[in-house]
Structures are given as C-alpha cells and as structure tokens.
PDB file of N, CA and C in Angstrom:
ATOM      1  N   MET A   1      65.905  75.966  96.313  1.00  0.00           N
ATOM      2  CA  MET A   1      67.253  76.259  96.696  1.00  0.00           C
ATOM      3  C   MET A   1      67.674  77.611  96.096  1.00  0.00           C
ATOM      4  N   VAL A   2      68.283  78.459  96.929  1.00  0.00           N
ATOM      5  CA  VAL A   2      68.714  79.786  96.513  1.00  0.00           C
ATOM      6  C   VAL A   2      70.225  79.777  96.355  1.00  0.00           C
ATOM      7  N   MET A   3      70.662  80.275  95.212  1.00  0.00           N
ATOM      8  CA  MET A   3      72.096  80.343  94.968  1.00  0.00           C
ATOM      9  C   MET A   3      72.570  81.776  95.202  1.00  0.00           C
ATOM     10  N   VAL A   4      73.663  81.900  95.900  1.00  0.00           N
ATOM     11  CA  VAL A   4      74.260  83.201  96.149  1.00  0.00           C
ATOM     12  C   VAL A   4      75.532  83.298  95.322  1.00  0.00           C
ATOM     13  N   ARG A   5      75.597  84.321  94.539  1.00  0.00           N
ATOM     14  CA  ARG A   5      76.759  84.506  93.688  1.00  0.00           C
ATOM     15  C   ARG A   5      77.679  85.546  94.325  1.00  0.00           C
ATOM     16  N   ARG A   6      78.930  85.221  94.458  1.00  0.00           N
ATOM     17  CA  ARG A   6      79.914  86.138  95.035  1.00  0.00           C
ATOM     18  C   ARG A   6      80.735  86.762  93.918  1.00  0.00           C
ATOM     19  N   SER A   7      80.981  88.019  94.080  1.00  0.00           N
ATOM     20  CA  SER A   7      81.782  88.732  93.100  1.00  0.00           C
ATOM     21  C   SER A   7      83.239  88.735  93.552  1.00  0.00           C
ATOM     22  N   ASN A   8      84.129  88.557  92.616  1.00  0.00           N
ATOM     23  CA  ASN A   8      85.563  88.568  92.920  1.00  0.00           C
ATOM     24  C   ASN A   8      86.216  89.884  92.527  1.00  0.00           C
ATOM     25  N   ARG A   9      85.430  90.898  92.323  1.00  0.00           N
ATOM     26  CA  ARG A   9      86.014  92.161  91.892  1.00  0.00           C
ATOM     27  C   ARG A   9      86.734  92.843  93.059  1.00  0.00           C
ATOM     28  N   VAL A  10      87.766  93.589  92.722  1.00  0.00           N
ATOM     29  CA  VAL A  10      88.550  94.306  93.709  1.00  0.00           C
ATOM     30  C   VAL A  10      88.138  95.775  93.661  1.00  0.00           C
ATOM     31  N   VAL A  11      87.776  96.296  94.798  1.00  0.00           N
ATOM     32  CA  VAL A  11      87.366  97.689  94.884  1.00  0.00           C
ATOM     33  C   VAL A  11      88.557  98.502  95.382  1.00  0.00           C
ATOM     34  N   THR A  12      88.940  99.515  94.610  1.00  0.00           N
ATOM     35  CA  THR A  12      90.057 100.368  95.006  1.00  0.00           C
ATOM     36  C   THR A  12      89.609 101.812  95.023  1.00  0.00           C
ATOM     37  N   GLY A  13      90.393 102.656  95.678  1.00  0.00           N
ATOM     38  CA  GLY A  13      90.081 104.080  95.732  1.00  0.00           C
ATOM     39  C   GLY A  13      89.126 104.384  96.861  1.00  0.00           C
ATOM     40  N   ALA A  14      88.921 105.636  97.090  1.00  0.00           N
ATOM     41  CA  ALA A  14      88.101 106.061  98.220  1.00  0.00           C
ATOM     42  C   ALA A  14      86.672 106.391  97.819  1.00  0.00           C
ATOM     43  N   HIS A  15      86.369 106.430  96.524  1.00  0.00           N
ATOM     44  CA  HIS A  15      85.019 106.697  96.026  1.00  0.00           C
ATOM     45  C   HIS A  15      84.468 108.024  96.531  1.00  0.00           C
ATOM     46  N   TYR A  16      85.204 109.107  96.289  1.00  0.00           N
ATOM     47  CA  TYR A  16      84.750 110.424  96.714  1.00  0.00           C
ATOM     48  C   TYR A  16      83.624 110.929  95.822  1.00  0.00           C
ATOM     49  N   GLY A  17      83.623 110.543  94.564  1.00  0.00           N
ATOM     50  CA  GLY A  17      82.550 110.785  93.628  1.00  0.00           C
ATOM     51  C   GLY A  17      81.968 112.177  93.592  1.00  0.00           C
ATOM     52  N   LEU A  18      80.741 112.296  94.087  1.00  0.00           N
ATOM     53  CA  LEU A  18      79.991 113.550  94.008  1.00  0.00           C
ATOM     54  C   LEU A  18      80.711 114.689  94.722  1.00  0.00           C
ATOM     55  N   ARG A  19      81.308 114.405  95.857  1.00  0.00           N
ATOM     56  CA  ARG A  19      82.011 115.445  96.612  1.00  0.00           C
ATOM     57  C   ARG A  19      83.160 116.020  95.788  1.00  0.00           C
ATOM     58  N   ASP A  20      83.945 115.175  95.127  1.00  0.00           N
ATOM     59  CA  ASP A  20      85.037 115.655  94.283  1.00  0.00           C
ATOM     60  C   ASP A  20      84.507 116.420  93.083  1.00  0.00           C
ATOM     61  N   TRP A  21      83.482 115.901  92.451  1.00  0.00           N
ATOM     62  CA  TRP A  21      82.887 116.554  91.287  1.00  0.00           C
ATOM     63  C   TRP A  21      82.400 117.952  91.676  1.00  0.00           C
ATOM     64  N   LEU A  22      81.708 118.048  92.798  1.00  0.00           N
ATOM     65  CA  LEU A  22      81.181 119.327  93.252  1.00  0.00           C
ATOM     66  C   LEU A  22      82.314 120.281  93.651  1.00  0.00           C
ATOM     67  N   ALA A  23      83.333 119.779  94.325  1.00  0.00           N
ATOM     68  CA  ALA A  23      84.468 120.612  94.720  1.00  0.00           C
ATOM     69  C   ALA A  23      85.166 121.188  93.486  1.00  0.00           C
ATOM     70  N   GLN A  24      85.351 120.367  92.463  1.00  0.00           N
ATOM     71  CA  GLN A  24      85.993 120.837  91.239  1.00  0.00           C
ATOM     72  C   GLN A  24      85.160 121.935  90.577  1.00  0.00           C
ATOM     73  N   ARG A  25      83.841 121.771  90.550  1.00  0.00           N
ATOM     74  CA  ARG A  25      82.977 122.769  89.895  1.00  0.00           C
ATOM     75  C   ARG A  25      82.911 124.066  90.684  1.00  0.00           C
ATOM     76  N   VAL A  26      82.770 123.967  92.005  1.00  0.00           N
ATOM     77  CA  VAL A  26      82.667 125.169  92.837  1.00  0.00           C
ATOM     78  C   VAL A  26      83.976 125.953  92.786  1.00  0.00           C
ATOM     79  N   THR A  27      85.102 125.280  92.929  1.00  0.00           N
ATOM     80  CA  THR A  27      86.381 125.984  92.887  1.00  0.00           C
ATOM     81  C   THR A  27      86.640 126.577  91.501  1.00  0.00           C
ATOM     82  N   ALA A  28      86.237 125.876  90.450  1.00  0.00           N
ATOM     83  CA  ALA A  28      86.411 126.409  89.096  1.00  0.00           C
ATOM     84  C   ALA A  28      85.581 127.675  88.897  1.00  0.00           C
ATOM     85  N   VAL A  29      84.362 127.693  89.408  1.00  0.00           N
ATOM     86  CA  VAL A  29      83.517 128.888  89.289  1.00  0.00           C
ATOM     87  C   VAL A  29      84.125 130.047  90.071  1.00  0.00           C
ATOM     88  N   LEU A  30      84.599 129.795  91.287  1.00  0.00           N
ATOM     89  CA  LEU A  30      85.233 130.857  92.073  1.00  0.00           C
ATOM     90  C   LEU A  30      86.454 131.429  91.357  1.00  0.00           C
ATOM     91  N   MET A  31      87.282 130.550  90.812  1.00  0.00           N
ATOM     92  CA  MET A  31      88.473 131.015  90.107  1.00  0.00           C
ATOM     93  C   MET A  31      88.106 131.783  88.843  1.00  0.00           C
ATOM     94  N   ALA A  32      87.071 131.329  88.142  1.00  0.00           N
ATOM     95  CA  ALA A  32      86.636 132.020  86.928  1.00  0.00           C
ATOM     96  C   ALA A  32      86.103 133.419  87.252  1.00  0.00           C
ATOM     97  N   LEU A  33      85.307 133.539  88.309  1.00  0.00           N
ATOM     98  CA  LEU A  33      84.775 134.850  88.694  1.00  0.00           C
ATOM     99  C   LEU A  33      85.899 135.818  89.049  1.00  0.00           C
ATOM    100  N   TYR A  34      86.858 135.354  89.816  1.00  0.00           N
ATOM    101  CA  TYR A  34      88.001 136.188  90.194  1.00  0.00           C
ATOM    102  C   TYR A  34      88.782 136.616  88.951  1.00  0.00           C
ATOM    103  N   THR A  35      89.014 135.674  88.056  1.00  0.00           N
ATOM    104  CA  THR A  35      89.768 135.966  86.839  1.00  0.00           C
ATOM    105  C   THR A  35      89.044 136.984  85.970  1.00  0.00           C
ATOM    106  N   VAL A  36      87.733 136.830  85.827  1.00  0.00           N
ATOM    107  CA  VAL A  36      86.948 137.788  85.055  1.00  0.00           C
ATOM    108  C   VAL A  36      87.037 139.173  85.694  1.00  0.00           C
ATOM    109  N   PHE A  37      86.960 139.241  87.014  1.00  0.00           N
ATOM    110  CA  PHE A  37      87.076 140.535  87.691  1.00  0.00           C
ATOM    111  C   PHE A  37      88.427 141.183  87.423  1.00  0.00           C
ATOM    112  N   VAL A  38      89.511 140.417  87.566  1.00  0.00           N
ATOM    113  CA  VAL A  38      90.851 140.977  87.377  1.00  0.00           C
ATOM    114  C   VAL A  38      91.043 141.427  85.924  1.00  0.00           C
ATOM    115  N   ILE A  39      90.556 140.646  84.978  1.00  0.00           N
ATOM    116  CA  ILE A  39      90.665 141.041  83.569  1.00  0.00           C
ATOM    117  C   ILE A  39      89.840 142.294  83.295  1.00  0.00           C
ATOM    118  N   THR A  40      88.631 142.353  83.838  1.00  0.00           N
ATOM    119  CA  THR A  40      87.780 143.538  83.663  1.00  0.00           C
ATOM    120  C   THR A  40      88.437 144.761  84.279  1.00  0.00           C
ATOM    121  N   PHE A  41      88.980 144.606  85.465  1.00  0.00           N
ATOM    122  CA  PHE A  41      89.685 145.714  86.114  1.00  0.00           C
ATOM    123  C   PHE A  41      90.841 146.198  85.243  1.00  0.00           C
ATOM    124  N   THR A  42      91.595 145.263  84.715  1.00  0.00           N
ATOM    125  CA  THR A  42      92.747 145.621  83.888  1.00  0.00           C
ATOM    126  C   THR A  42      92.321 146.357  82.622  1.00  0.00           C
ATOM    127  N   ILE A  43      91.242 145.919  82.018  1.00  0.00           N
ATOM    128  CA  ILE A  43      90.761 146.566  80.796  1.00  0.00           C
ATOM    129  C   ILE A  43      90.215 147.961  81.094  1.00  0.00           C
ATOM    130  N   LEU A  44      89.447 148.081  82.168  1.00  0.00           N
ATOM    131  CA  LEU A  44      88.804 149.366  82.467  1.00  0.00           C
ATOM    132  C   LEU A  44      89.743 150.396  83.083  1.00  0.00           C
ATOM    133  N   ARG A  45      90.645 149.968  83.939  1.00  0.00           N
ATOM    134  CA  ARG A  45      91.500 150.906  84.682  1.00  0.00           C
ATOM    135  C   ARG A  45      92.862 151.141  84.033  1.00  0.00           C
ATOM    136  N   HIS A  46      93.291 150.286  83.167  1.00  0.00           N
ATOM    137  CA  HIS A  46      94.586 150.402  82.496  1.00  0.00           C
ATOM    138  C   HIS A  46      95.730 150.687  83.467  1.00  0.00           C
ATOM    139  N   PRO A  47      95.979 149.773  84.413  1.00  0.00           N
ATOM    140  CA  PRO A  47      97.106 150.017  85.322  1.00  0.00           C
ATOM    141  C   PRO A  47      98.410 149.998  84.526  1.00  0.00           C
ATOM    142  N   VAL A  48      99.227 151.017  84.740  1.00  0.00           N
ATOM    143  CA  VAL A  48     100.439 151.135  83.929  1.00  0.00           C
ATOM    144  C   VAL A  48     101.714 150.869  84.714  1.00  0.00           C
ATOM    145  N   ASP A  49     101.630 150.897  86.038  1.00  0.00           N
ATOM    146  CA  ASP A  49     102.847 150.656  86.795  1.00  0.00           C
ATOM    147  C   ASP A  49     102.523 149.889  88.079  1.00  0.00           C
ATOM    148  N   TYR A  50     103.561 149.601  88.802  1.00  0.00           N
ATOM    149  CA  TYR A  50     103.450 148.815  90.033  1.00  0.00           C
ATOM    150  C   TYR A  50     102.522 149.474  91.044  1.00  0.00           C
ATOM    151  N   ASP A  51     102.576 150.787  91.144  1.00  0.00           N
ATOM    152  CA  ASP A  51     101.753 151.491  92.130  1.00  0.00           C
ATOM    153  C   ASP A  51     100.254 151.325  91.863  1.00  0.00           C
ATOM    154  N   ASP A  52      99.866 151.298  90.588  1.00  0.00           N
ATOM    155  CA  ASP A  52      98.448 151.091  90.258  1.00  0.00           C
ATOM    156  C   ASP A  52      97.967 149.708  90.707  1.00  0.00           C
ATOM    157  N   ILE A  53      98.784 148.711  90.467  1.00  0.00           N
ATOM    158  CA  ILE A  53      98.434 147.348  90.889  1.00  0.00           C
ATOM    159  C   ILE A  53      98.456 147.257  92.406  1.00  0.00           C
ATOM    160  N   ARG A  54      99.426 147.882  93.017  1.00  0.00           N
ATOM    161  CA  ARG A  54      99.550 147.872  94.476  1.00  0.00           C
ATOM    162  C   ARG A  54      98.323 148.490  95.145  1.00  0.00           C
ATOM    163  N   LEU A  55      97.778 149.557  94.559  1.00  0.00           N
ATOM    164  CA  LEU A  55      96.572 150.187  95.104  1.00  0.00           C
ATOM    165  C   LEU A  55      95.404 149.209  95.130  1.00  0.00           C
ATOM    166  N   LEU A  56      95.281 148.415  94.073  1.00  0.00           N
ATOM    167  CA  LEU A  56      94.201 147.423  94.034  1.00  0.00           C
ATOM    168  C   LEU A  56      94.381 146.394  95.139  1.00  0.00           C
ATOM    169  N   PHE A  57      95.586 145.874  95.290  1.00  0.00           N
ATOM    170  CA  PHE A  57      95.819 144.796  96.251  1.00  0.00           C
ATOM    171  C   PHE A  57      96.029 145.284  97.679  1.00  0.00           C
ATOM    172  N   ASP A  58      96.042 146.580  97.893  1.00  0.00           N
ATOM    173  CA  ASP A  58      96.069 147.109  99.258  1.00  0.00           C
ATOM    174  C   ASP A  58      94.687 147.111  99.899  1.00  0.00           C
ATOM    175  N   ASN A  59      93.650 146.996  99.089  1.00  0.00           N
ATOM    176  CA  ASN A  59      92.282 146.917  99.624  1.00  0.00           C
ATOM    177  C   ASN A  59      92.060 145.570 100.297  1.00  0.00           C
ATOM    178  N   GLN A  60      91.474 145.606 101.485  1.00  0.00           N
ATOM    179  CA  GLN A  60      91.273 144.356 102.227  1.00  0.00           C
ATOM    180  C   GLN A  60      90.334 143.399 101.501  1.00  0.00           C
ATOM    181  N   TRP A  61      89.310 143.924 100.839  1.00  0.00           N
ATOM    182  CA  TRP A  61      88.380 143.040 100.122  1.00  0.00           C
ATOM    183  C   TRP A  61      89.089 142.318  98.980  1.00  0.00           C
ATOM    184  N   MET A  62      90.043 142.991  98.337  1.00  0.00           N
ATOM    185  CA  MET A  62      90.791 142.344  97.254  1.00  0.00           C
ATOM    186  C   MET A  62      91.755 141.313  97.816  1.00  0.00           C
ATOM    187  N   GLN A  63      92.331 141.586  98.972  1.00  0.00           N
ATOM    188  CA  GLN A  63      93.209 140.608  99.601  1.00  0.00           C
ATOM    189  C   GLN A  63      92.423 139.357  99.984  1.00  0.00           C
ATOM    190  N   ILE A  64      91.226 139.548 100.521  1.00  0.00           N
ATOM    191  CA  ILE A  64      90.397 138.395 100.893  1.00  0.00           C
ATOM    192  C   ILE A  64      89.956 137.627  99.650  1.00  0.00           C
ATOM    193  N   ALA A  65      89.552 138.352  98.597  1.00  0.00           N
ATOM    194  CA  ALA A  65      89.162 137.688  97.345  1.00  0.00           C
ATOM    195  C   ALA A  65      90.340 136.917  96.756  1.00  0.00           C
ATOM    196  N   SER A  66      91.533 137.504  96.820  1.00  0.00           N
ATOM    197  CA  SER A  66      92.724 136.827  96.301  1.00  0.00           C
ATOM    198  C   SER A  66      93.054 135.588  97.133  1.00  0.00           C
ATOM    199  N   LEU A  67      92.892 135.709  98.448  1.00  0.00           N
ATOM    200  CA  LEU A  67      93.140 134.557  99.318  1.00  0.00           C
ATOM    201  C   LEU A  67      92.146 133.432  99.019  1.00  0.00           C
ATOM    202  N   LEU A  68      90.880 133.777  98.832  1.00  0.00           N
ATOM    203  CA  LEU A  68      89.876 132.765  98.471  1.00  0.00           C
ATOM    204  C   LEU A  68      90.196 132.135  97.120  1.00  0.00           C
ATOM    205  N   PHE A  69      90.640 132.966  96.170  1.00  0.00           N
ATOM    206  CA  PHE A  69      91.023 132.448  94.863  1.00  0.00           C
ATOM    207  C   PHE A  69      92.153 131.436  94.998  1.00  0.00           C
ATOM    208  N   PHE A  70      93.189 131.789  95.756  1.00  0.00           N
ATOM    209  CA  PHE A  70      94.336 130.895  95.858  1.00  0.00           C
ATOM    210  C   PHE A  70      93.994 129.632  96.643  1.00  0.00           C
ATOM    211  N   PHE A  71      93.142 129.764  97.667  1.00  0.00           N
ATOM    212  CA  PHE A  71      92.684 128.575  98.390  1.00  0.00           C
ATOM    213  C   PHE A  71      91.907 127.660  97.449  1.00  0.00           C
ATOM    214  N   ALA A  72      91.020 128.240  96.631  1.00  0.00           N
ATOM    215  CA  ALA A  72      90.263 127.451  95.659  1.00  0.00           C
ATOM    216  C   ALA A  72      91.202 126.786  94.661  1.00  0.00           C
ATOM    217  N   LEU A  73      92.230 127.510  94.241  1.00  0.00           N
ATOM    218  CA  LEU A  73      93.211 126.950  93.307  1.00  0.00           C
ATOM    219  C   LEU A  73      93.928 125.749  93.918  1.00  0.00           C
ATOM    220  N   CYS A  74      94.364 125.885  95.169  1.00  0.00           N
ATOM    221  CA  CYS A  74      95.055 124.782  95.844  1.00  0.00           C
ATOM    222  C   CYS A  74      94.127 123.583  96.036  1.00  0.00           C
ATOM    223  N   TRP A  75      92.903 123.839  96.441  1.00  0.00           N
ATOM    224  CA  TRP A  75      91.946 122.746  96.647  1.00  0.00           C
ATOM    225  C   TRP A  75      91.641 122.059  95.323  1.00  0.00           C
ATOM    226  N   HIS A  76      91.434 122.839  94.271  1.00  0.00           N
ATOM    227  CA  HIS A  76      91.156 122.307  92.938  1.00  0.00           C
ATOM    228  C   HIS A  76      92.325 121.426  92.471  1.00  0.00           C
ATOM    229  N   ALA A  77      93.539 121.934  92.674  1.00  0.00           N
ATOM    230  CA  ALA A  77      94.725 121.166  92.282  1.00  0.00           C
ATOM    231  C   ALA A  77      94.840 119.877  93.087  1.00  0.00           C
ATOM    232  N   TRP A  78      94.594 119.952  94.398  1.00  0.00           N
ATOM    233  CA  TRP A  78      94.706 118.765  95.238  1.00  0.00           C
ATOM    234  C   TRP A  78      93.714 117.686  94.814  1.00  0.00           C
ATOM    235  N   VAL A  79      92.464 118.063  94.595  1.00  0.00           N
ATOM    236  CA  VAL A  79      91.456 117.073  94.209  1.00  0.00           C
ATOM    237  C   VAL A  79      91.832 116.432  92.875  1.00  0.00           C
ATOM    238  N   GLY A  80      92.259 117.241  91.921  1.00  0.00           N
ATOM    239  CA  GLY A  80      92.634 116.699  90.618  1.00  0.00           C
ATOM    240  C   GLY A  80      93.838 115.780  90.683  1.00  0.00           C
ATOM    241  N   VAL A  81      94.886 116.215  91.378  1.00  0.00           N
ATOM    242  CA  VAL A  81      96.098 115.397  91.476  1.00  0.00           C
ATOM    243  C   VAL A  81      95.813 114.117  92.253  1.00  0.00           C
ATOM    244  N   ARG A  82      95.068 114.227  93.362  1.00  0.00           N
ATOM    245  CA  ARG A  82      94.749 113.038  94.155  1.00  0.00           C
ATOM    246  C   ARG A  82      93.983 112.008  93.323  1.00  0.00           C
ATOM    247  N   ASN A  83      93.022 112.462  92.536  1.00  0.00           N
ATOM    248  CA  ASN A  83      92.245 111.523  91.730  1.00  0.00           C
ATOM    249  C   ASN A  83      93.087 110.876  90.640  1.00  0.00           C
ATOM    250  N   VAL A  84      93.974 111.646  90.023  1.00  0.00           N
ATOM    251  CA  VAL A  84      94.865 111.074  89.014  1.00  0.00           C
ATOM    252  C   VAL A  84      95.797 110.049  89.661  1.00  0.00           C
ATOM    253  N   LEU A  85      96.335 110.379  90.832  1.00  0.00           N
ATOM    254  CA  LEU A  85      97.219 109.437  91.517  1.00  0.00           C
ATOM    255  C   LEU A  85      96.486 108.160  91.906  1.00  0.00           C
ATOM    256  N   MET A  86      95.243 108.287  92.376  1.00  0.00           N
ATOM    257  CA  MET A  86      94.485 107.084  92.756  1.00  0.00           C
ATOM    258  C   MET A  86      94.200 106.210  91.544  1.00  0.00           C
ATOM    259  N   ASP A  87      94.038 106.836  90.378  1.00  0.00           N
ATOM    260  CA  ASP A  87      93.740 106.063  89.173  1.00  0.00           C
ATOM    261  C   ASP A  87      94.972 105.424  88.545  1.00  0.00           C
ATOM    262  N   TYR A  88      96.121 106.106  88.613  1.00  0.00           N
ATOM    263  CA  TYR A  88      97.259 105.666  87.814  1.00  0.00           C
ATOM    264  C   TYR A  88      98.489 105.229  88.595  1.00  0.00           C
ATOM    265  N   VAL A  89      98.580 105.547  89.876  1.00  0.00           N
ATOM    266  CA  VAL A  89      99.733 105.105  90.671  1.00  0.00           C
ATOM    267  C   VAL A  89      99.229 104.040  91.641  1.00  0.00           C
ATOM    268  N   HIS A  90      99.499 102.792  91.331  1.00  0.00           N
ATOM    269  CA  HIS A  90      98.920 101.691  92.100  1.00  0.00           C
ATOM    270  C   HIS A  90      99.725 101.273  93.335  1.00  0.00           C
ATOM    271  N   PRO A  91     101.056 101.314  93.318  1.00  0.00           N
ATOM    272  CA  PRO A  91     101.778 100.970  94.552  1.00  0.00           C
ATOM    273  C   PRO A  91     101.475 102.000  95.653  1.00  0.00           C
ATOM    274  N   MET A  92     100.976 101.514  96.769  1.00  0.00           N
ATOM    275  CA  MET A  92     100.522 102.393  97.841  1.00  0.00           C
ATOM    276  C   MET A  92     101.629 103.311  98.355  1.00  0.00           C
ATOM    277  N   ALA A  93     102.843 102.788  98.510  1.00  0.00           N
ATOM    278  CA  ALA A  93     103.946 103.599  99.035  1.00  0.00           C
ATOM    279  C   ALA A  93     104.282 104.748  98.086  1.00  0.00           C
ATOM    280  N   ALA A  94     104.304 104.474  96.801  1.00  0.00           N
ATOM    281  CA  ALA A  94     104.611 105.524  95.819  1.00  0.00           C
ATOM    282  C   ALA A  94     103.509 106.579  95.805  1.00  0.00           C
ATOM    283  N   ARG A  95     102.262 106.123  95.828  1.00  0.00           N
ATOM    284  CA  ARG A  95     101.137 107.066  95.806  1.00  0.00           C
ATOM    285  C   ARG A  95     101.143 107.944  97.053  1.00  0.00           C
ATOM    286  N   LEU A  96     101.376 107.344  98.220  1.00  0.00           N
ATOM    287  CA  LEU A  96     101.399 108.096  99.468  1.00  0.00           C
ATOM    288  C   LEU A  96     102.551 109.103  99.478  1.00  0.00           C
ATOM    289  N   THR A  97     103.699 108.693  98.979  1.00  0.00           N
ATOM    290  CA  THR A  97     104.858 109.591  98.923  1.00  0.00           C
ATOM    291  C   THR A  97     104.565 110.792  98.029  1.00  0.00           C
ATOM    292  N   ILE A  98     104.003 110.545  96.867  1.00  0.00           N
ATOM    293  CA  ILE A  98     103.688 111.646  95.945  1.00  0.00           C
ATOM    294  C   ILE A  98     102.609 112.544  96.538  1.00  0.00           C
ATOM    295  N   GLN A  99     101.609 111.950  97.181  1.00  0.00           N
ATOM    296  CA  GLN A  99     100.557 112.758  97.793  1.00  0.00           C
ATOM    297  C   GLN A  99     101.122 113.660  98.895  1.00  0.00           C
ATOM    298  N   ILE A 100     102.018 113.133  99.704  1.00  0.00           N
ATOM    299  CA  ILE A 100     102.642 113.941 100.758  1.00  0.00           C
ATOM    300  C   ILE A 100     103.461 115.069 100.143  1.00  0.00           C
ATOM    301  N   MET A 101     104.167 114.787  99.063  1.00  0.00           N
ATOM    302  CA  MET A 101     104.939 115.824  98.385  1.00  0.00           C
ATOM    303  C   MET A 101     104.022 116.914  97.830  1.00  0.00           C
ATOM    304  N   VAL A 102     102.903 116.517  97.240  1.00  0.00           N
ATOM    305  CA  VAL A 102     101.957 117.491  96.680  1.00  0.00           C
ATOM    306  C   VAL A 102     101.339 118.332  97.787  1.00  0.00           C
ATOM    307  N   ILE A 103     100.921 117.702  98.878  1.00  0.00           N
ATOM    308  CA  ILE A 103     100.342 118.439 100.009  1.00  0.00           C
ATOM    309  C   ILE A 103     101.364 119.428 100.568  1.00  0.00           C
ATOM    310  N   THR A 104     102.592 118.985 100.729  1.00  0.00           N
ATOM    311  CA  THR A 104     103.644 119.858 101.250  1.00  0.00           C
ATOM    312  C   THR A 104     103.871 121.052 100.326  1.00  0.00           C
ATOM    313  N   ALA A 105     103.931 120.797  99.040  1.00  0.00           N
ATOM    314  CA  ALA A 105     104.135 121.886  98.075  1.00  0.00           C
ATOM    315  C   ALA A 105     102.961 122.862  98.108  1.00  0.00           C
ATOM    316  N   LEU A 106     101.726 122.351  98.130  1.00  0.00           N
ATOM    317  CA  LEU A 106     100.559 123.229  98.149  1.00  0.00           C
ATOM    318  C   LEU A 106     100.508 124.068  99.423  1.00  0.00           C
ATOM    319  N   LEU A 107     100.839 123.469 100.563  1.00  0.00           N
ATOM    320  CA  LEU A 107     100.867 124.237 101.812  1.00  0.00           C
ATOM    321  C   LEU A 107     101.956 125.306 101.775  1.00  0.00           C
ATOM    322  N   PHE A 108     103.115 124.955 101.222  1.00  0.00           N
ATOM    323  CA  PHE A 108     104.192 125.934 101.083  1.00  0.00           C
ATOM    324  C   PHE A 108     103.759 127.088 100.188  1.00  0.00           C
ATOM    325  N   TYR A 109     103.157 126.765  99.033  1.00  0.00           N
ATOM    326  CA  TYR A 109     102.708 127.814  98.112  1.00  0.00           C
ATOM    327  C   TYR A 109     101.636 128.686  98.748  1.00  0.00           C
ATOM    328  N   PHE A 110     100.728 128.090  99.516  1.00  0.00           N
ATOM    329  CA  PHE A 110      99.674 128.863 100.176  1.00  0.00           C
ATOM    330  C   PHE A 110     100.276 129.799 101.220  1.00  0.00           C
ATOM    331  N   ALA A 111     101.200 129.302 102.019  1.00  0.00           N
ATOM    332  CA  ALA A 111     101.852 130.141 103.027  1.00  0.00           C
ATOM    333  C   ALA A 111     102.640 131.267 102.357  1.00  0.00           C
ATOM    334  N   TRP A 112     103.302 130.967 101.278  1.00  0.00           N
ATOM    335  CA  TRP A 112     104.061 131.969 100.538  1.00  0.00           C
ATOM    336  C   TRP A 112     103.125 133.034  99.978  1.00  0.00           C
ATOM    337  N   PHE A 113     101.977 132.605  99.469  1.00  0.00           N
ATOM    338  CA  PHE A 113     100.991 133.547  98.922  1.00  0.00           C
ATOM    339  C   PHE A 113     100.476 134.480 100.040  1.00  0.00           C
ATOM    340  N   VAL A 114     100.193 133.920 101.202  1.00  0.00           N
ATOM    341  CA  VAL A 114      99.734 134.748 102.329  1.00  0.00           C
ATOM    342  C   VAL A 114     100.825 135.738 102.705  1.00  0.00           C
ATOM    343  N   TYR A 115     102.061 135.299 102.727  1.00  0.00           N
ATOM    344  CA  TYR A 115     103.177 136.195 103.044  1.00  0.00           C
ATOM    345  C   TYR A 115     103.283 137.333 102.017  1.00  0.00           C
ATOM    346  N   ILE A 116     103.147 136.998 100.745  1.00  0.00           N
ATOM    347  CA  ILE A 116     103.210 138.013  99.692  1.00  0.00           C
ATOM    348  C   ILE A 116     102.045 138.986  99.821  1.00  0.00           C
ATOM    349  N   LEU A 117     100.862 138.462 100.103  1.00  0.00           N
ATOM    350  CA  LEU A 117      99.659 139.280 100.162  1.00  0.00           C
ATOM    351  C   LEU A 117      99.663 140.223 101.369  1.00  0.00           C
ATOM    352  N   TRP A 118     100.074 139.716 102.534  1.00  0.00           N
ATOM    353  CA  TRP A 118     100.020 140.524 103.757  1.00  0.00           C
ATOM    354  C   TRP A 118     101.395 140.829 104.355  1.00  0.00           C
ATOM    355  N   GLY A 119     102.453 140.358 103.716  1.00  0.00           N
ATOM    356  CA  GLY A 119     103.793 140.546 104.268  1.00  0.00           C
ATOM    357  C   GLY A 119     104.371 141.912 104.031  1.00  0.00           C
TER     358      GLY A 119
END
C-alpha cells in the first residue's frame, strides 16, 4: 500500500526569482557605470557653470545614456518595491492599490525625465 502525503502549505507571490535577481543586478551595473562616467567627467572636466553641463547633455549619446540610466533606475525601483509589497502587504486590495500608485509615479517620473532631457 502506497501512502500519499498532501501538503497544506499556502503558496503566495508570483515566484519571479531568478528573473528579479538578474534584473536587479543588470540595472545596478548599468546605473553604476553611468554614475562612474558622470563622476569621472566631473573630476576631469571641472564644469563650473550651467553651460558646461548643458554642453554634455546636448550630445545625443549622453541623452541616450541618461535615458537608459533612468529607465534602469525605474525598473530597479519597481522590482524592489514590488517584491517588498508582495512580502509585507498581504491584503490584495491594499497591495494592488500601492502597486498602481508606484507604477503611476514611475511612469510620471519617466515622462518628466524625457521632457527635461529633450524638451
């Protein structure tokens, strides 16, 4: 006779696991590289006024790098906040409401950044 044992454990969350871990690492590396570049530029070029900084950000490659940096920042923030909410906010309605608020804020900040960069 074979006995089958059933588990009564409750499985919660979406189990993103490796994908979230990898997203956090890739976005962190992108942000670190951008930050190192900007710090190196600041040390080597000694920008003293608005026009010096403006010259750097008028270059299309710098605008694209900045856009990638900010996209990575938003994605990094979303993954981190979503995982914290899944772990610590258990009522589904509250978690969904906060997630929608975070997504809305991140989209607003991204659109604002694009406007500042190319506006």
